[in-house]
């Protein structure tokens, strides 16, 4: 038997097959994270596909709490889960999100 080696390739944070070259790939999802009504940067925002529950992208909000997922298919449905890195609050879910 010969040894077998496998190499993991970097896939980046963009895991969705969006079919570049079609008319359905120029949409985005943008938003902000807030805690008690104020902008909040200590969160982790994950975008999931509703069709197969696969994670599409992961974002850490900017200093003012803004996040954006770009280059998405505008015919797909998503849901977003935001986790508090300080673990003071439960995760927040936004369901039935459509990229525009």
PDB file of N, CA and C in Angstrom:
ATOM      1  N   UNK A   1       0.828  -1.183   0.000  1.00  0.00           N
ATOM      2  CA  UNK A   1       0.000   0.000   0.000  1.00  0.00           C
ATOM      3  C   UNK A   1       0.870   1.243   0.000  1.00  0.00           C
ATOM      4  N   UNK A   2       0.464   2.210  -0.791  1.00  0.00           N
ATOM      5  CA  UNK A   2       1.174   3.474  -0.825  1.00  0.00           C
ATOM      6  C   UNK A   2       0.495   4.468   0.101  1.00  0.00           C
ATOM      7  N   UNK A   3       1.269   5.338   0.726  1.00  0.00           N
ATOM      8  CA  UNK A   3       0.639   6.373   1.558  1.00  0.00           C
ATOM      9  C   UNK A   3      -0.169   7.330   0.686  1.00  0.00           C
ATOM     10  N   UNK A   4      -1.238   7.772   1.227  1.00  0.00           N
ATOM     11  CA  UNK A   4      -2.117   8.704   0.525  1.00  0.00           C
ATOM     12  C   UNK A   4      -2.077  10.043   1.249  1.00  0.00           C
ATOM     13  N   UNK A   5      -1.867  11.093   0.513  1.00  0.00           N
ATOM     14  CA  UNK A   5      -1.860  12.413   1.150  1.00  0.00           C
ATOM     15  C   UNK A   5      -3.000  13.242   0.582  1.00  0.00           C
ATOM     16  N   UNK A   6      -3.590  14.013   1.433  1.00  0.00           N
ATOM     17  CA  UNK A   6      -4.676  14.897   1.031  1.00  0.00           C
ATOM     18  C   UNK A   6      -4.313  16.309   1.462  1.00  0.00           C
ATOM     19  N   UNK A   7      -4.684  17.237   0.630  1.00  0.00           N
ATOM     20  CA  UNK A   7      -4.388  18.629   0.935  1.00  0.00           C
ATOM     21  C   UNK A   7      -5.691  19.411   0.940  1.00  0.00           C
ATOM     22  N   UNK A   8      -5.964  20.111   2.027  1.00  0.00           N
ATOM     23  CA  UNK A   8      -7.162  20.941   2.131  1.00  0.00           C
ATOM     24  C   UNK A   8      -6.913  22.258   1.414  1.00  0.00           C
ATOM     25  N   UNK A   9      -7.805  22.601   0.529  1.00  0.00           N
ATOM     26  CA  UNK A   9      -7.685  23.849  -0.221  1.00  0.00           C
ATOM     27  C   UNK A   9      -8.555  24.917   0.441  1.00  0.00           C
ATOM     28  N   UNK A  10      -8.073  26.133   0.448  1.00  0.00           N
ATOM     29  CA  UNK A  10      -8.817  27.243   1.032  1.00  0.00           C
ATOM     30  C   UNK A  10     -10.019  27.566   0.162  1.00  0.00           C
ATOM     31  N   UNK A  11     -11.200  27.582   0.762  1.00  0.00           N
ATOM     32  CA  UNK A  11     -12.408  27.864  -0.004  1.00  0.00           C
ATOM     33  C   UNK A  11     -12.911  29.285   0.201  1.00  0.00           C
ATOM     34  N   UNK A  12     -12.330  30.019   1.127  1.00  0.00           N
ATOM     35  CA  UNK A  12     -12.781  31.375   1.384  1.00  0.00           C
ATOM     36  C   UNK A  12     -14.081  31.393   2.153  1.00  0.00           C
ATOM     37  N   UNK A  13     -14.632  32.571   2.336  1.00  0.00           N
ATOM     38  CA  UNK A  13     -15.875  32.685   3.089  1.00  0.00           C
ATOM     39  C   UNK A  13     -17.091  32.674   2.173  1.00  0.00           C
ATOM     40  N   UNK A  14     -16.871  32.522   0.871  1.00  0.00           N
ATOM     41  CA  UNK A  14     -17.971  32.549  -0.085  1.00  0.00           C
ATOM     42  C   UNK A  14     -18.192  31.147  -0.618  1.00  0.00           C
ATOM     43  N   UNK A  15     -19.182  30.448  -0.094  1.00  0.00           N
ATOM     44  CA  UNK A  15     -19.376  29.038  -0.399  1.00  0.00           C
ATOM     45  C   UNK A  15     -20.558  28.762  -1.314  1.00  0.00           C
ATOM     46  N   UNK A  16     -21.272  29.769  -1.746  1.00  0.00           N
ATOM     47  CA  UNK A  16     -22.464  29.548  -2.553  1.00  0.00           C
ATOM     48  C   UNK A  16     -22.094  29.457  -4.025  1.00  0.00           C
ATOM     49  N   UNK A  17     -22.644  28.477  -4.721  1.00  0.00           N
ATOM     50  CA  UNK A  17     -22.514  28.397  -6.169  1.00  0.00           C
ATOM     51  C   UNK A  17     -23.547  29.333  -6.762  1.00  0.00           C
ATOM     52  N   UNK A  18     -23.117  30.510  -7.197  1.00  0.00           N
ATOM     53  CA  UNK A  18     -24.068  31.521  -7.642  1.00  0.00           C
ATOM     54  C   UNK A  18     -24.246  31.534  -9.144  1.00  0.00           C
ATOM     55  N   UNK A  19     -23.535  30.731  -9.885  1.00  0.00           N
ATOM     56  CA  UNK A  19     -23.729  30.674 -11.326  1.00  0.00           C
ATOM     57  C   UNK A  19     -23.366  31.964 -12.013  1.00  0.00           C
ATOM     58  N   UNK A  20     -22.148  32.428 -11.872  1.00  0.00           N
ATOM     59  CA  UNK A  20     -21.742  33.678 -12.505  1.00  0.00           C
ATOM     60  C   UNK A  20     -21.998  33.617 -14.000  1.00  0.00           C
ATOM     61  N   UNK A  21     -22.378  34.731 -14.548  1.00  0.00           N
ATOM     62  CA  UNK A  21     -22.700  34.790 -15.949  1.00  0.00           C
ATOM     63  C   UNK A  21     -24.205  34.771 -16.189  1.00  0.00           C
ATOM     64  N   UNK A  22     -24.982  34.492 -15.175  1.00  0.00           N
ATOM     65  CA  UNK A  22     -26.429  34.548 -15.315  1.00  0.00           C
ATOM     66  C   UNK A  22     -26.922  35.870 -14.763  1.00  0.00           C
ATOM     67  N   UNK A  23     -28.183  36.148 -14.985  1.00  0.00           N
ATOM     68  CA  UNK A  23     -28.734  37.427 -14.533  1.00  0.00           C
ATOM     69  C   UNK A  23     -29.147  37.419 -13.073  1.00  0.00           C
ATOM     70  N   UNK A  24     -28.950  36.321 -12.352  1.00  0.00           N
ATOM     71  CA  UNK A  24     -29.429  36.198 -10.977  1.00  0.00           C
ATOM     72  C   UNK A  24     -28.349  36.390  -9.918  1.00  0.00           C
ATOM     73  N   UNK A  25     -27.247  37.004 -10.219  1.00  0.00           N
ATOM     74  CA  UNK A  25     -26.135  37.010  -9.273  1.00  0.00           C
ATOM     75  C   UNK A  25     -25.674  38.397  -8.860  1.00  0.00           C
ATOM     76  N   UNK A  26     -26.498  39.367  -8.914  1.00  0.00           N
ATOM     77  CA  UNK A  26     -26.051  40.722  -8.600  1.00  0.00           C
ATOM     78  C   UNK A  26     -26.763  41.292  -7.376  1.00  0.00           C
ATOM     79  N   UNK A  27     -27.106  40.448  -6.450  1.00  0.00           N
ATOM     80  CA  UNK A  27     -27.856  40.903  -5.282  1.00  0.00           C
ATOM     81  C   UNK A  27     -26.972  40.886  -4.041  1.00  0.00           C
ATOM     82  N   UNK A  28     -27.432  41.547  -2.996  1.00  0.00           N
ATOM     83  CA  UNK A  28     -26.693  41.590  -1.740  1.00  0.00           C
ATOM     84  C   UNK A  28     -27.666  41.664  -0.569  1.00  0.00           C
ATOM     85  N   UNK A  29     -27.149  41.346   0.589  1.00  0.00           N
ATOM     86  CA  UNK A  29     -27.894  41.480   1.840  1.00  0.00           C
ATOM     87  C   UNK A  29     -27.043  42.339   2.752  1.00  0.00           C
ATOM     88  N   UNK A  30     -27.630  43.404   3.276  1.00  0.00           N
ATOM     89  CA  UNK A  30     -26.911  44.313   4.162  1.00  0.00           C
ATOM     90  C   UNK A  30     -27.733  44.549   5.414  1.00  0.00           C
ATOM     91  N   UNK A  31     -27.047  44.802   6.514  1.00  0.00           N
ATOM     92  CA  UNK A  31     -27.747  45.084   7.757  1.00  0.00           C
ATOM     93  C   UNK A  31     -26.800  45.573   8.827  1.00  0.00           C
ATOM     94  N   UNK A  32     -27.325  45.743  10.022  1.00  0.00           N
ATOM     95  CA  UNK A  32     -26.518  46.161  11.161  1.00  0.00           C
ATOM     96  C   UNK A  32     -26.866  45.294  12.365  1.00  0.00           C
ATOM     97  N   UNK A  33     -25.903  45.137  13.241  1.00  0.00           N
ATOM     98  CA  UNK A  33     -26.145  44.445  14.505  1.00  0.00           C
ATOM     99  C   UNK A  33     -26.276  45.491  15.598  1.00  0.00           C
ATOM    100  N   UNK A  34     -27.258  45.291  16.456  1.00  0.00           N
ATOM    101  CA  UNK A  34     -27.511  46.232  17.551  1.00  0.00           C
ATOM    102  C   UNK A  34     -27.719  45.478  18.843  1.00  0.00           C
ATOM    103  N   UNK A  35     -27.354  46.116  19.930  1.00  0.00           N
ATOM    104  CA  UNK A  35     -27.562  45.579  21.268  1.00  0.00           C
ATOM    105  C   UNK A  35     -28.224  46.673  22.086  1.00  0.00           C
ATOM    106  N   UNK A  36     -29.434  46.407  22.523  1.00  0.00           N
ATOM    107  CA  UNK A  36     -30.225  47.384  23.282  1.00  0.00           C
ATOM    108  C   UNK A  36     -30.350  48.697  22.517  1.00  0.00           C
ATOM    109  N   UNK A  37     -30.539  48.611  21.196  1.00  0.00           N
ATOM    110  CA  UNK A  37     -30.765  49.780  20.360  1.00  0.00           C
ATOM    111  C   UNK A  37     -29.517  50.514  19.921  1.00  0.00           C
ATOM    112  N   UNK A  38     -28.341  50.096  20.361  1.00  0.00           N
ATOM    113  CA  UNK A  38     -27.097  50.765  19.981  1.00  0.00           C
ATOM    114  C   UNK A  38     -26.272  49.852  19.090  1.00  0.00           C
ATOM    115  N   UNK A  39     -25.486  50.450  18.214  1.00  0.00           N
ATOM    116  CA  UNK A  39     -24.645  49.682  17.299  1.00  0.00           C
ATOM    117  C   UNK A  39     -23.713  48.766  18.084  1.00  0.00           C
ATOM    118  N   UNK A  40     -23.535  47.550  17.556  1.00  0.00           N
ATOM    119  CA  UNK A  40     -22.794  46.527  18.288  1.00  0.00           C
ATOM    120  C   UNK A  40     -21.872  45.783  17.342  1.00  0.00           C
ATOM    121  N   UNK A  41     -20.570  45.784  17.638  1.00  0.00           N
ATOM    122  CA  UNK A  41     -19.591  45.164  16.744  1.00  0.00           C
ATOM    123  C   UNK A  41     -19.118  43.790  17.203  1.00  0.00           C
ATOM    124  N   UNK A  42     -19.376  43.404  18.435  1.00  0.00           N
ATOM    125  CA  UNK A  42     -18.875  42.125  18.968  1.00  0.00           C
ATOM    126  C   UNK A  42     -19.855  40.991  18.699  1.00  0.00           C
ATOM    127  N   UNK A  43     -20.068  40.710  17.423  1.00  0.00           N
ATOM    128  CA  UNK A  43     -20.981  39.642  17.028  1.00  0.00           C
ATOM    129  C   UNK A  43     -20.356  38.866  15.871  1.00  0.00           C
ATOM    130  N   UNK A  44     -20.955  37.750  15.563  1.00  0.00           N
ATOM    131  CA  UNK A  44     -20.570  36.944  14.417  1.00  0.00           C
ATOM    132  C   UNK A  44     -21.850  36.676  13.637  1.00  0.00           C
ATOM    133  N   UNK A  45     -21.892  37.089  12.380  1.00  0.00           N
ATOM    134  CA  UNK A  45     -23.086  36.984  11.552  1.00  0.00           C
ATOM    135  C   UNK A  45     -22.844  35.913  10.486  1.00  0.00           C
ATOM    136  N   UNK A  46     -23.746  34.919  10.425  1.00  0.00           N
ATOM    137  CA  UNK A  46     -23.592  33.812   9.482  1.00  0.00           C
ATOM    138  C   UNK A  46     -24.815  33.759   8.576  1.00  0.00           C
ATOM    139  N   UNK A  47     -24.566  33.661   7.272  1.00  0.00           N
ATOM    140  CA  UNK A  47     -25.615  33.571   6.267  1.00  0.00           C
ATOM    141  C   UNK A  47     -25.770  32.110   5.853  1.00  0.00           C
ATOM    142  N   UNK A  48     -27.001  31.595   5.906  1.00  0.00           N
ATOM    143  CA  UNK A  48     -27.302  30.209   5.543  1.00  0.00           C
ATOM    144  C   UNK A  48     -28.289  30.169   4.383  1.00  0.00           C
ATOM    145  N   UNK A  49     -28.180  29.144   3.563  1.00  0.00           N
ATOM    146  CA  UNK A  49     -29.148  28.892   2.506  1.00  0.00           C
ATOM    147  C   UNK A  49     -30.329  28.134   3.092  1.00  0.00           C
ATOM    148  N   UNK A  50     -31.558  28.570   2.784  1.00  0.00           N
ATOM    149  CA  UNK A  50     -32.740  27.874   3.292  1.00  0.00           C
ATOM    150  C   UNK A  50     -32.977  26.552   2.579  1.00  0.00           C
ATOM    151  N   UNK A  51     -32.501  26.415   1.364  1.00  0.00           N
ATOM    152  CA  UNK A  51     -32.781  25.204   0.601  1.00  0.00           C
ATOM    153  C   UNK A  51     -32.018  23.985   1.116  1.00  0.00           C
ATOM    154  N   UNK A  52     -30.780  24.190   1.600  1.00  0.00           N
ATOM    155  CA  UNK A  52     -29.983  23.038   2.060  1.00  0.00           C
ATOM    156  C   UNK A  52     -29.317  23.259   3.419  1.00  0.00           C
ATOM    157  N   UNK A  53     -29.596  24.356   4.079  1.00  0.00           N
ATOM    158  CA  UNK A  53     -29.074  24.684   5.409  1.00  0.00           C
ATOM    159  C   UNK A  53     -27.550  24.739   5.458  1.00  0.00           C
ATOM    160  N   UNK A  54     -26.917  25.001   4.334  1.00  0.00           N
ATOM    161  CA  UNK A  54     -25.465  25.146   4.277  1.00  0.00           C
ATOM    162  C   UNK A  54     -25.093  26.600   4.584  1.00  0.00           C
ATOM    163  N   UNK A  55     -23.976  26.789   5.273  1.00  0.00           N
ATOM    164  CA  UNK A  55     -23.514  28.154   5.516  1.00  0.00           C
ATOM    165  C   UNK A  55     -22.923  28.697   4.222  1.00  0.00           C
ATOM    166  N   UNK A  56     -23.278  29.921   3.901  1.00  0.00           N
ATOM    167  CA  UNK A  56     -22.830  30.567   2.681  1.00  0.00           C
ATOM    168  C   UNK A  56     -21.634  31.466   2.971  1.00  0.00           C
ATOM    169  N   UNK A  57     -21.730  32.266   4.022  1.00  0.00           N
ATOM    170  CA  UNK A  57     -20.665  33.213   4.351  1.00  0.00           C
ATOM    171  C   UNK A  57     -20.739  33.573   5.826  1.00  0.00           C
ATOM    172  N   UNK A  58     -19.600  34.024   6.344  1.00  0.00           N
ATOM    173  CA  UNK A  58     -19.492  34.454   7.740  1.00  0.00           C
ATOM    174  C   UNK A  58     -18.896  35.859   7.734  1.00  0.00           C
ATOM    175  N   UNK A  59     -19.489  36.741   8.513  1.00  0.00           N
ATOM    176  CA  UNK A  59     -19.001  38.120   8.598  1.00  0.00           C
ATOM    177  C   UNK A  59     -18.867  38.550  10.045  1.00  0.00           C
ATOM    178  N   UNK A  60     -17.871  39.370  10.317  1.00  0.00           N
ATOM    179  CA  UNK A  60     -17.760  40.067  11.586  1.00  0.00           C
ATOM    180  C   UNK A  60     -18.134  41.512  11.279  1.00  0.00           C
ATOM    181  N   UNK A  61     -19.105  42.077  11.977  1.00  0.00           N
ATOM    182  CA  UNK A  61     -19.533  43.453  11.679  1.00  0.00           C
ATOM    183  C   UNK A  61     -18.402  44.460  11.832  1.00  0.00           C
ATOM    184  N   UNK A  62     -18.533  45.564  11.110  1.00  0.00           N
ATOM    185  CA  UNK A  62     -17.552  46.649  11.224  1.00  0.00           C
ATOM    186  C   UNK A  62     -17.707  47.338  12.580  1.00  0.00           C
ATOM    187  N   UNK A  63     -16.919  48.342  12.816  1.00  0.00           N
ATOM    188  CA  UNK A  63     -16.942  49.070  14.087  1.00  0.00           C
ATOM    189  C   UNK A  63     -18.321  49.646  14.390  1.00  0.00           C
ATOM    190  N   UNK A  64     -19.042  50.051  13.341  1.00  0.00           N
ATOM    191  CA  UNK A  64     -20.388  50.614  13.557  1.00  0.00           C
ATOM    192  C   UNK A  64     -21.489  49.555  13.479  1.00  0.00           C
ATOM    193  N   UNK A  65     -21.130  48.266  13.446  1.00  0.00           N
ATOM    194  CA  UNK A  65     -22.112  47.194  13.468  1.00  0.00           C
ATOM    195  C   UNK A  65     -22.653  46.781  12.111  1.00  0.00           C
ATOM    196  N   UNK A  66     -22.133  47.348  11.030  1.00  0.00           N
ATOM    197  CA  UNK A  66     -22.647  47.048   9.689  1.00  0.00           C
ATOM    198  C   UNK A  66     -22.019  45.779   9.128  1.00  0.00           C
ATOM    199  N   UNK A  67     -22.823  45.015   8.377  1.00  0.00           N
ATOM    200  CA  UNK A  67     -22.325  43.839   7.669  1.00  0.00           C
ATOM    201  C   UNK A  67     -22.976  43.796   6.293  1.00  0.00           C
ATOM    202  N   UNK A  68     -22.343  43.104   5.355  1.00  0.00           N
ATOM    203  CA  UNK A  68     -22.891  42.971   4.008  1.00  0.00           C
ATOM    204  C   UNK A  68     -22.432  41.653   3.408  1.00  0.00           C
ATOM    205  N   UNK A  69     -23.355  40.984   2.742  1.00  0.00           N
ATOM    206  CA  UNK A  69     -23.051  39.783   1.974  1.00  0.00           C
ATOM    207  C   UNK A  69     -23.308  40.136   0.514  1.00  0.00           C
ATOM    208  N   UNK A  70     -22.259  40.120  -0.313  1.00  0.00           N
ATOM    209  CA  UNK A  70     -22.348  40.590  -1.689  1.00  0.00           C
ATOM    210  C   UNK A  70     -22.293  39.432  -2.670  1.00  0.00           C
ATOM    211  N   UNK A  71     -22.761  39.659  -3.889  1.00  0.00           N
ATOM    212  CA  UNK A  71     -22.670  38.684  -4.960  1.00  0.00           C
ATOM    213  C   UNK A  71     -23.566  37.480  -4.792  1.00  0.00           C
ATOM    214  N   UNK A  72     -24.756  37.674  -4.248  1.00  0.00           N
ATOM    215  CA  UNK A  72     -25.675  36.567  -3.992  1.00  0.00           C
ATOM    216  C   UNK A  72     -26.680  36.400  -5.125  1.00  0.00           C
ATOM    217  N   UNK A  73     -27.270  35.230  -5.187  1.00  0.00           N
ATOM    218  CA  UNK A  73     -28.314  34.927  -6.149  1.00  0.00           C
ATOM    219  C   UNK A  73     -29.625  35.529  -5.648  1.00  0.00           C
ATOM    220  N   UNK A  74     -30.283  36.338  -6.469  1.00  0.00           N
ATOM    221  CA  UNK A  74     -31.501  37.012  -6.006  1.00  0.00           C
ATOM    222  C   UNK A  74     -32.748  36.133  -6.075  1.00  0.00           C
ATOM    223  N   UNK A  75     -32.619  34.877  -6.495  1.00  0.00           N
ATOM    224  CA  UNK A  75     -33.772  33.978  -6.494  1.00  0.00           C
ATOM    225  C   UNK A  75     -33.734  33.010  -5.315  1.00  0.00           C
ATOM    226  N   UNK A  76     -32.652  33.008  -4.548  1.00  0.00           N
ATOM    227  CA  UNK A  76     -32.520  32.102  -3.407  1.00  0.00           C
ATOM    228  C   UNK A  76     -33.044  32.756  -2.138  1.00  0.00           C
ATOM    229  N   UNK A  77     -33.431  31.929  -1.169  1.00  0.00           N
ATOM    230  CA  UNK A  77     -33.845  32.430   0.144  1.00  0.00           C
ATOM    231  C   UNK A  77     -32.793  32.042   1.167  1.00  0.00           C
ATOM    232  N   UNK A  78     -32.616  32.909   2.149  1.00  0.00           N
ATOM    233  CA  UNK A  78     -31.579  32.734   3.155  1.00  0.00           C
ATOM    234  C   UNK A  78     -32.157  32.946   4.548  1.00  0.00           C
ATOM    235  N   UNK A  79     -31.374  32.567   5.551  1.00  0.00           N
ATOM    236  CA  UNK A  79     -31.634  33.019   6.913  1.00  0.00           C
ATOM    237  C   UNK A  79     -30.302  33.391   7.527  1.00  0.00           C
ATOM    238  N   UNK A  80     -30.363  34.338   8.455  1.00  0.00           N
ATOM    239  CA  UNK A  80     -29.160  34.898   9.073  1.00  0.00           C
ATOM    240  C   UNK A  80     -29.214  34.617  10.564  1.00  0.00           C
ATOM    241  N   UNK A  81     -28.078  34.186  11.108  1.00  0.00           N
ATOM    242  CA  UNK A  81     -27.956  33.963  12.541  1.00  0.00           C
ATOM    243  C   UNK A  81     -26.809  34.836  13.040  1.00  0.00           C
ATOM    244  N   UNK A  82     -27.073  35.622  14.086  1.00  0.00           N
ATOM    245  CA  UNK A  82     -26.042  36.480  14.688  1.00  0.00           C
ATOM    246  C   UNK A  82     -25.797  36.008  16.119  1.00  0.00           C
ATOM    247  N   UNK A  83     -24.533  35.775  16.433  1.00  0.00           N
ATOM    248  CA  UNK A  83     -24.133  35.309  17.757  1.00  0.00           C
ATOM    249  C   UNK A  83     -23.403  36.417  18.497  1.00  0.00           C
ATOM    250  N   UNK A  84     -23.693  36.594  19.774  1.00  0.00           N
ATOM    251  CA  UNK A  84     -23.007  37.561  20.628  1.00  0.00           C
ATOM    252  C   UNK A  84     -21.700  36.931  21.097  1.00  0.00           C
ATOM    253  N   UNK A  85     -20.569  37.509  20.701  1.00  0.00           N
ATOM    254  CA  UNK A  85     -19.263  36.966  21.096  1.00  0.00           C
ATOM    255  C   UNK A  85     -19.030  37.037  22.601  1.00  0.00           C
ATOM    256  N   UNK A  86     -19.672  37.971  23.277  1.00  0.00           N
ATOM    257  CA  UNK A  86     -19.515  38.107  24.728  1.00  0.00           C
ATOM    258  C   UNK A  86     -20.433  37.164  25.501  1.00  0.00           C
ATOM    259  N   UNK A  87     -21.299  36.463  24.789  1.00  0.00           N
ATOM    260  CA  UNK A  87     -22.221  35.476  25.368  1.00  0.00           C
ATOM    261  C   UNK A  87     -23.130  36.053  26.450  1.00  0.00           C
ATOM    262  N   UNK A  88     -23.522  37.296  26.278  1.00  0.00           N
ATOM    263  CA  UNK A  88     -24.463  37.913  27.208  1.00  0.00           C
ATOM    264  C   UNK A  88     -25.901  37.725  26.741  1.00  0.00           C
ATOM    265  N   UNK A  89     -26.090  37.529  25.432  1.00  0.00           N
ATOM    266  CA  UNK A  89     -27.428  37.389  24.860  1.00  0.00           C
ATOM    267  C   UNK A  89     -27.492  36.154  23.979  1.00  0.00           C
ATOM    268  N   UNK A  90     -28.703  35.642  23.765  1.00  0.00           N
ATOM    269  CA  UNK A  90     -28.914  34.507  22.879  1.00  0.00           C
ATOM    270  C   UNK A  90     -28.696  34.928  21.432  1.00  0.00           C
ATOM    271  N   UNK A  91     -28.541  33.945  20.565  1.00  0.00           N
ATOM    272  CA  UNK A  91     -28.407  34.219  19.142  1.00  0.00           C
ATOM    273  C   UNK A  91     -29.706  34.806  18.600  1.00  0.00           C
ATOM    274  N   UNK A  92     -29.585  35.603  17.566  1.00  0.00           N
ATOM    275  CA  UNK A  92     -30.732  36.219  16.913  1.00  0.00           C
ATOM    276  C   UNK A  92     -30.831  35.653  15.500  1.00  0.00           C
ATOM    277  N   UNK A  93     -32.050  35.265  15.094  1.00  0.00           N
ATOM    278  CA  UNK A  93     -32.261  34.678  13.777  1.00  0.00           C
ATOM    279  C   UNK A  93     -33.197  35.563  12.965  1.00  0.00           C
ATOM    280  N   UNK A  94     -32.825  35.817  11.723  1.00  0.00           N
ATOM    281  CA  UNK A  94     -33.707  36.518  10.788  1.00  0.00           C
ATOM    282  C   UNK A  94     -33.995  35.536   9.658  1.00  0.00           C
ATOM    283  N   UNK A  95     -35.261  35.179   9.476  1.00  0.00           N
ATOM    284  CA  UNK A  95     -35.642  34.136   8.537  1.00  0.00           C
ATOM    285  C   UNK A  95     -36.266  34.721   7.272  1.00  0.00           C
ATOM    286  N   UNK A  96     -36.286  33.926   6.202  1.00  0.00           N
ATOM    287  CA  UNK A  96     -36.875  34.308   4.905  1.00  0.00           C
ATOM    288  C   UNK A  96     -36.284  35.594   4.343  1.00  0.00           C
ATOM    289  N   UNK A  97     -34.971  35.696   4.341  1.00  0.00           N
ATOM    290  CA  UNK A  97     -34.268  36.863   3.810  1.00  0.00           C
ATOM    291  C   UNK A  97     -34.007  36.617   2.331  1.00  0.00           C
ATOM    292  N   UNK A  98     -34.336  37.603   1.498  1.00  0.00           N
ATOM    293  CA  UNK A  98     -34.096  37.524   0.066  1.00  0.00           C
ATOM    294  C   UNK A  98     -33.126  38.629  -0.313  1.00  0.00           C
ATOM    295  N   UNK A  99     -32.096  38.277  -1.049  1.00  0.00           N
ATOM    296  CA  UNK A  99     -31.114  39.268  -1.494  1.00  0.00           C
ATOM    297  C   UNK A  99     -31.729  40.181  -2.537  1.00  0.00           C
ATOM    298  N   UNK A 100     -31.371  41.460  -2.480  1.00  0.00           N
ATOM    299  CA  UNK A 100     -31.886  42.464  -3.440  1.00  0.00           C
ATOM    300  C   UNK A 100     -30.740  43.183  -4.091  1.00  0.00           C
TER     301      UNK A 100
END
